[in-house]
Amino acid sequence: MSQLLGALRHMTEMFSKGSRGDGTERSNYNTVIPAAPQFLISPREAIYSTVEHLELIQSHGYICAEFIYVYTPGILILMPGQLITRYTLDYNMRHIEAGLPVKGLDYYFAKDKYLIQD
């Protein structure tokens, strides 16, 4: 147990100083996390709404009808019923471009009387 704790302390010390452990420096990313989008309808309404099949890039101003998250670890990005803004789109695209496993992108978004362009 003491070896494990010692290794964890060593890793914490190395990584907190900006080192990758192999002699190279890691980049410090200043990730801008957008504010949580507003709910225009309840998640239940969004899930059971009539949906339109769209590419993610075309979904600005639509209401999300899927859970969209980075898995693992399961970080939620959008929930059904939330308005898809250009900020959340950019945030999603950065995850995809970084090669992160964004799940729930079946590209279905609720389209009904609650549709609002921001």
N, C-alpha and C. Protein backbone atom coordinates (compact mmCIF):
# COMPACT_ATOMS: atom_id res chain seq x y z
N MET A 1 0.82 -1.18 0.00
CA MET A 1 0.00 0.00 0.00
C MET A 1 0.87 1.26 0.00
N SER A 2 1.96 1.23 0.75
CA SER A 2 2.82 2.40 0.82
C SER A 2 3.49 2.68 -0.53
N GLN A 3 3.77 1.63 -1.31
CA GLN A 3 4.35 1.84 -2.64
C GLN A 3 3.35 2.53 -3.55
N LEU A 4 2.10 2.12 -3.48
CA LEU A 4 1.05 2.74 -4.29
C LEU A 4 0.90 4.21 -3.92
N LEU A 5 0.83 4.50 -2.63
CA LEU A 5 0.70 5.89 -2.21
C LEU A 5 1.91 6.72 -2.62
N GLY A 6 3.09 6.14 -2.51
CA GLY A 6 4.30 6.84 -2.93
C GLY A 6 4.28 7.13 -4.42
N ALA A 7 3.84 6.17 -5.22
CA ALA A 7 3.75 6.36 -6.67
C ALA A 7 2.74 7.44 -7.02
N LEU A 8 1.62 7.43 -6.34
CA LEU A 8 0.59 8.45 -6.59
C LEU A 8 1.09 9.84 -6.21
N ARG A 9 1.80 9.95 -5.11
CA ARG A 9 2.37 11.24 -4.71
C ARG A 9 3.38 11.73 -5.74
N HIS A 10 4.21 10.80 -6.21
CA HIS A 10 5.22 11.14 -7.22
C HIS A 10 4.54 11.63 -8.51
N MET A 11 3.51 10.92 -8.95
CA MET A 11 2.80 11.32 -10.17
C MET A 11 2.14 12.69 -9.98
N THR A 12 1.54 12.90 -8.84
CA THR A 12 0.91 14.19 -8.56
C THR A 12 1.92 15.32 -8.62
N GLU A 13 3.06 15.10 -8.02
CA GLU A 13 4.11 16.11 -8.02
C GLU A 13 4.61 16.40 -9.42
N MET A 14 4.83 15.34 -10.20
CA MET A 14 5.34 15.52 -11.57
C MET A 14 4.33 16.24 -12.46
N PHE A 15 3.09 15.80 -12.42
CA PHE A 15 2.09 16.37 -13.32
C PHE A 15 1.62 17.74 -12.89
N SER A 16 1.68 18.05 -11.63
CA SER A 16 1.26 19.37 -11.19
C SER A 16 2.27 20.44 -11.60
N LYS A 17 3.49 20.04 -11.93
CA LYS A 17 4.51 21.00 -12.36
C LYS A 17 4.50 21.19 -13.87
N GLY A 18 3.62 20.52 -14.58
CA GLY A 18 3.53 20.68 -16.03
C GLY A 18 4.34 19.67 -16.80
N SER A 19 4.96 18.74 -16.13
CA SER A 19 5.75 17.72 -16.81
C SER A 19 4.85 16.56 -17.19
N ARG A 20 5.18 15.90 -18.29
CA ARG A 20 4.43 14.73 -18.71
C ARG A 20 5.05 13.46 -18.14
N GLY A 21 6.16 13.58 -17.46
CA GLY A 21 6.82 12.41 -16.91
C GLY A 21 7.88 11.85 -17.82
N ASP A 22 7.92 12.31 -19.07
CA ASP A 22 8.90 11.82 -20.02
C ASP A 22 9.90 12.92 -20.42
N GLY A 23 9.94 13.98 -19.63
CA GLY A 23 10.87 15.06 -19.90
C GLY A 23 10.30 16.17 -20.77
N THR A 24 9.11 15.96 -21.33
CA THR A 24 8.48 16.99 -22.15
C THR A 24 7.44 17.73 -21.33
N GLU A 25 7.16 18.93 -21.74
CA GLU A 25 6.16 19.73 -21.04
C GLU A 25 4.80 19.50 -21.69
N ARG A 26 3.78 19.47 -20.88
CA ARG A 26 2.44 19.35 -21.42
C ARG A 26 1.87 20.73 -21.68
N SER A 27 0.95 20.81 -22.60
CA SER A 27 0.30 22.08 -22.91
C SER A 27 -0.75 22.38 -21.87
N ASN A 28 -0.91 23.63 -21.56
CA ASN A 28 -1.99 24.06 -20.69
C ASN A 28 -3.11 24.57 -21.57
N TYR A 29 -4.21 23.86 -21.59
CA TYR A 29 -5.34 24.26 -22.39
C TYR A 29 -6.28 25.11 -21.55
N ASN A 30 -6.64 26.23 -22.08
CA ASN A 30 -7.63 27.08 -21.41
C ASN A 30 -8.97 26.78 -22.05
N THR A 31 -9.62 25.75 -21.56
CA THR A 31 -10.89 25.34 -22.11
C THR A 31 -11.98 26.27 -21.63
N VAL A 32 -12.72 26.80 -22.56
CA VAL A 32 -13.86 27.65 -22.22
C VAL A 32 -15.09 26.76 -22.24
N ILE A 33 -15.72 26.63 -21.10
CA ILE A 33 -16.91 25.81 -21.00
C ILE A 33 -18.11 26.73 -21.10
N PRO A 34 -18.97 26.49 -22.09
CA PRO A 34 -20.12 27.39 -22.25
C PRO A 34 -21.10 27.23 -21.10
N ALA A 35 -21.85 28.27 -20.86
CA ALA A 35 -22.91 28.20 -19.85
C ALA A 35 -23.92 27.14 -20.29
N ALA A 36 -24.54 26.51 -19.32
CA ALA A 36 -25.55 25.50 -19.65
C ALA A 36 -26.68 26.14 -20.42
N PRO A 37 -27.04 25.55 -21.56
CA PRO A 37 -28.13 26.12 -22.35
C PRO A 37 -29.47 26.02 -21.61
N GLN A 38 -30.36 26.93 -21.93
CA GLN A 38 -31.65 26.93 -21.27
C GLN A 38 -32.52 25.79 -21.78
N PHE A 39 -33.41 25.31 -20.92
CA PHE A 39 -34.40 24.31 -21.31
C PHE A 39 -35.59 25.05 -21.89
N LEU A 40 -35.98 24.68 -23.09
CA LEU A 40 -37.16 25.28 -23.71
C LEU A 40 -38.38 24.39 -23.52
N ILE A 41 -38.13 23.09 -23.40
CA ILE A 41 -39.18 22.12 -23.09
C ILE A 41 -38.57 21.10 -22.13
N SER A 42 -39.39 20.29 -21.53
CA SER A 42 -38.89 19.29 -20.59
C SER A 42 -38.13 18.20 -21.36
N PRO A 43 -37.20 17.52 -20.70
CA PRO A 43 -36.52 16.41 -21.36
C PRO A 43 -37.50 15.36 -21.90
N ARG A 44 -38.53 15.08 -21.14
CA ARG A 44 -39.54 14.09 -21.59
C ARG A 44 -40.21 14.53 -22.89
N GLU A 45 -40.62 15.80 -22.94
CA GLU A 45 -41.25 16.33 -24.16
C GLU A 45 -40.30 16.21 -25.34
N ALA A 46 -39.03 16.55 -25.13
CA ALA A 46 -38.06 16.52 -26.22
C ALA A 46 -37.83 15.10 -26.73
N ILE A 47 -37.73 14.15 -25.81
CA ILE A 47 -37.48 12.76 -26.21
C ILE A 47 -38.63 12.21 -27.04
N TYR A 48 -39.87 12.58 -26.68
CA TYR A 48 -41.04 12.05 -27.37
C TYR A 48 -41.56 12.96 -28.48
N SER A 49 -40.85 14.03 -28.79
CA SER A 49 -41.27 14.94 -29.85
C SER A 49 -40.99 14.35 -31.22
N THR A 50 -41.64 14.93 -32.21
CA THR A 50 -41.31 14.63 -33.59
C THR A 50 -39.92 15.21 -33.84
N VAL A 51 -39.04 14.42 -34.41
CA VAL A 51 -37.67 14.88 -34.60
C VAL A 51 -37.32 14.94 -36.08
N GLU A 52 -36.32 15.73 -36.35
CA GLU A 52 -35.79 15.87 -37.71
C GLU A 52 -34.34 15.40 -37.68
N HIS A 53 -33.96 14.63 -38.66
CA HIS A 53 -32.59 14.13 -38.75
C HIS A 53 -31.69 15.23 -39.33
N LEU A 54 -30.72 15.67 -38.53
CA LEU A 54 -29.84 16.76 -38.94
C LEU A 54 -28.39 16.41 -38.65
N GLU A 55 -27.50 17.00 -39.39
CA GLU A 55 -26.09 16.95 -39.03
C GLU A 55 -25.89 17.91 -37.87
N LEU A 56 -24.95 17.60 -37.02
CA LEU A 56 -24.71 18.43 -35.84
C LEU A 56 -24.47 19.89 -36.21
N ILE A 57 -23.70 20.14 -37.23
CA ILE A 57 -23.33 21.50 -37.61
C ILE A 57 -24.55 22.32 -38.04
N GLN A 58 -25.64 21.65 -38.44
CA GLN A 58 -26.86 22.34 -38.88
C GLN A 58 -27.86 22.56 -37.75
N SER A 59 -27.53 22.14 -36.53
CA SER A 59 -28.50 22.09 -35.46
C SER A 59 -28.62 23.36 -34.62
N HIS A 60 -27.88 24.38 -34.96
CA HIS A 60 -27.94 25.64 -34.21
C HIS A 60 -29.38 26.15 -34.17
N GLY A 61 -29.85 26.48 -32.97
CA GLY A 61 -31.20 27.01 -32.82
C GLY A 61 -32.27 25.95 -32.63
N TYR A 62 -31.91 24.68 -32.73
CA TYR A 62 -32.86 23.60 -32.51
C TYR A 62 -32.85 23.18 -31.04
N ILE A 63 -33.83 22.39 -30.67
CA ILE A 63 -33.89 21.83 -29.33
C ILE A 63 -33.33 20.42 -29.40
N CYS A 64 -32.41 20.13 -28.51
CA CYS A 64 -31.78 18.81 -28.48
C CYS A 64 -32.80 17.76 -28.03
N ALA A 65 -32.79 16.60 -28.68
CA ALA A 65 -33.69 15.51 -28.33
C ALA A 65 -32.91 14.28 -27.88
N GLU A 66 -31.62 14.40 -27.66
CA GLU A 66 -30.75 13.30 -27.24
C GLU A 66 -29.87 13.78 -26.10
N PHE A 67 -29.37 12.84 -25.30
CA PHE A 67 -28.30 13.16 -24.38
C PHE A 67 -27.01 13.14 -25.18
N ILE A 68 -26.21 14.18 -25.08
CA ILE A 68 -24.92 14.23 -25.75
C ILE A 68 -23.86 14.39 -24.66
N TYR A 69 -22.91 13.49 -24.66
CA TYR A 69 -21.94 13.45 -23.57
C TYR A 69 -20.62 12.87 -24.05
N VAL A 70 -19.56 13.17 -23.32
CA VAL A 70 -18.25 12.58 -23.57
C VAL A 70 -18.15 11.36 -22.66
N TYR A 71 -17.97 10.19 -23.28
CA TYR A 71 -17.91 8.96 -22.49
C TYR A 71 -16.68 8.17 -22.88
N THR A 72 -15.89 7.74 -22.06
CA THR A 72 -15.74 7.99 -20.67
C THR A 72 -15.11 9.35 -20.46
N PRO A 73 -15.40 9.98 -19.41
CA PRO A 73 -15.97 9.58 -18.13
C PRO A 73 -17.47 9.79 -18.00
N GLY A 74 -18.14 10.33 -19.00
CA GLY A 74 -19.59 10.55 -18.90
C GLY A 74 -19.94 11.99 -18.59
N ILE A 75 -19.20 12.93 -19.17
CA ILE A 75 -19.45 14.35 -18.94
C ILE A 75 -20.57 14.81 -19.86
N LEU A 76 -21.66 15.24 -19.27
CA LEU A 76 -22.83 15.65 -20.03
C LEU A 76 -22.59 17.00 -20.71
N ILE A 77 -22.91 17.08 -22.00
CA ILE A 77 -22.77 18.32 -22.75
C ILE A 77 -24.14 18.94 -23.01
N LEU A 78 -25.08 18.14 -23.48
CA LEU A 78 -26.44 18.61 -23.75
C LEU A 78 -27.45 17.57 -23.28
N MET A 79 -28.61 18.05 -22.87
CA MET A 79 -29.71 17.17 -22.47
C MET A 79 -30.90 17.44 -23.37
N PRO A 80 -31.79 16.46 -23.50
CA PRO A 80 -33.01 16.69 -24.26
C PRO A 80 -33.77 17.88 -23.68
N GLY A 81 -34.24 18.74 -24.57
CA GLY A 81 -35.00 19.92 -24.16
C GLY A 81 -34.18 21.20 -24.13
N GLN A 82 -32.85 21.08 -24.21
CA GLN A 82 -32.02 22.27 -24.17
C GLN A 82 -31.83 22.85 -25.57
N LEU A 83 -31.75 24.16 -25.62
CA LEU A 83 -31.50 24.88 -26.86
C LEU A 83 -30.05 24.68 -27.29
N ILE A 84 -29.84 24.38 -28.54
CA ILE A 84 -28.49 24.21 -29.07
C ILE A 84 -28.01 25.57 -29.58
N THR A 85 -27.00 26.11 -28.92
CA THR A 85 -26.46 27.41 -29.27
C THR A 85 -25.16 27.24 -30.05
N ARG A 86 -24.68 28.31 -30.61
CA ARG A 86 -23.40 28.22 -31.33
C ARG A 86 -22.26 27.89 -30.37
N TYR A 87 -22.41 28.29 -29.10
CA TYR A 87 -21.38 27.99 -28.11
C TYR A 87 -21.32 26.50 -27.80
N THR A 88 -22.50 25.88 -27.64
CA THR A 88 -22.49 24.44 -27.37
C THR A 88 -22.07 23.65 -28.60
N LEU A 89 -22.40 24.17 -29.78
CA LEU A 89 -21.92 23.52 -31.01
C LEU A 89 -20.40 23.57 -31.10
N ASP A 90 -19.82 24.73 -30.85
CA ASP A 90 -18.36 24.86 -30.87
C ASP A 90 -17.72 23.94 -29.84
N TYR A 91 -18.31 23.87 -28.67
CA TYR A 91 -17.79 23.01 -27.60
C TYR A 91 -17.82 21.53 -28.03
N ASN A 92 -18.93 21.11 -28.64
CA ASN A 92 -19.03 19.74 -29.17
C ASN A 92 -17.99 19.49 -30.24
N MET A 93 -17.84 20.42 -31.16
CA MET A 93 -16.91 20.23 -32.28
C MET A 93 -15.47 20.15 -31.77
N ARG A 94 -15.12 20.92 -30.76
CA ARG A 94 -13.76 20.83 -30.19
C ARG A 94 -13.50 19.44 -29.61
N HIS A 95 -14.49 18.86 -28.97
CA HIS A 95 -14.34 17.51 -28.44
C HIS A 95 -14.15 16.49 -29.57
N ILE A 96 -14.95 16.63 -30.61
CA ILE A 96 -14.87 15.70 -31.74
C ILE A 96 -13.52 15.84 -32.43
N GLU A 97 -13.10 17.07 -32.69
CA GLU A 97 -11.81 17.31 -33.36
C GLU A 97 -10.63 16.83 -32.54
N ALA A 98 -10.78 16.82 -31.21
CA ALA A 98 -9.71 16.33 -30.34
C ALA A 98 -9.70 14.80 -30.28
N GLY A 99 -10.68 14.17 -30.93
CA GLY A 99 -10.73 12.72 -30.95
C GLY A 99 -11.37 12.11 -29.71
N LEU A 100 -12.09 12.93 -28.95
CA LEU A 100 -12.75 12.41 -27.75
C LEU A 100 -14.03 11.68 -28.12
N PRO A 101 -14.39 10.67 -27.35
CA PRO A 101 -15.58 9.87 -27.68
C PRO A 101 -16.88 10.56 -27.29
N VAL A 102 -17.42 11.38 -28.18
CA VAL A 102 -18.69 12.06 -27.94
C VAL A 102 -19.80 11.10 -28.32
N LYS A 103 -20.64 10.78 -27.37
CA LYS A 103 -21.73 9.82 -27.57
C LYS A 103 -23.06 10.53 -27.64
N GLY A 104 -24.03 9.84 -28.23
CA GLY A 104 -25.38 10.38 -28.32
C GLY A 104 -25.59 11.23 -29.55
N LEU A 105 -24.59 11.29 -30.41
CA LEU A 105 -24.73 12.12 -31.61
C LEU A 105 -25.39 11.33 -32.74
N ASP A 106 -26.65 11.02 -32.51
CA ASP A 106 -27.44 10.40 -33.56
C ASP A 106 -28.03 11.48 -34.45
N TYR A 107 -27.70 12.73 -34.13
CA TYR A 107 -28.13 13.89 -34.90
C TYR A 107 -29.64 14.05 -34.96
N TYR A 108 -30.33 13.75 -33.89
CA TYR A 108 -31.77 13.98 -33.85
C TYR A 108 -32.06 15.15 -32.92
N PHE A 109 -32.81 16.08 -33.42
CA PHE A 109 -33.13 17.27 -32.64
C PHE A 109 -34.62 17.55 -32.77
N ALA A 110 -35.24 17.88 -31.67
CA ALA A 110 -36.68 18.15 -31.67
C ALA A 110 -36.97 19.40 -32.50
N LYS A 111 -37.98 19.31 -33.29
CA LYS A 111 -38.39 20.48 -34.07
C LYS A 111 -39.90 20.63 -33.91
N ASP A 112 -40.30 21.65 -33.25
CA ASP A 112 -41.72 21.89 -33.07
C ASP A 112 -41.94 23.37 -32.79
N LYS A 113 -43.07 23.71 -32.23
CA LYS A 113 -43.41 25.12 -32.01
C LYS A 113 -42.45 25.83 -31.06
N TYR A 114 -41.64 25.08 -30.34
CA TYR A 114 -40.72 25.66 -29.40
C TYR A 114 -39.38 26.05 -30.02
N LEU A 115 -39.24 25.81 -31.29
CA LEU A 115 -37.98 26.11 -31.97
C LEU A 115 -37.70 27.60 -31.92
N ILE A 116 -36.51 27.94 -31.45
CA ILE A 116 -36.11 29.35 -31.35
C ILE A 116 -34.73 29.50 -31.94
N GLN A 117 -34.57 30.47 -32.79
CA GLN A 117 -33.24 30.82 -33.30
C GLN A 117 -32.64 31.83 -32.33
N ASP A 118 -31.37 31.60 -31.89
CA ASP A 118 -30.80 32.61 -30.98
C ASP A 118 -29.90 33.58 -31.71
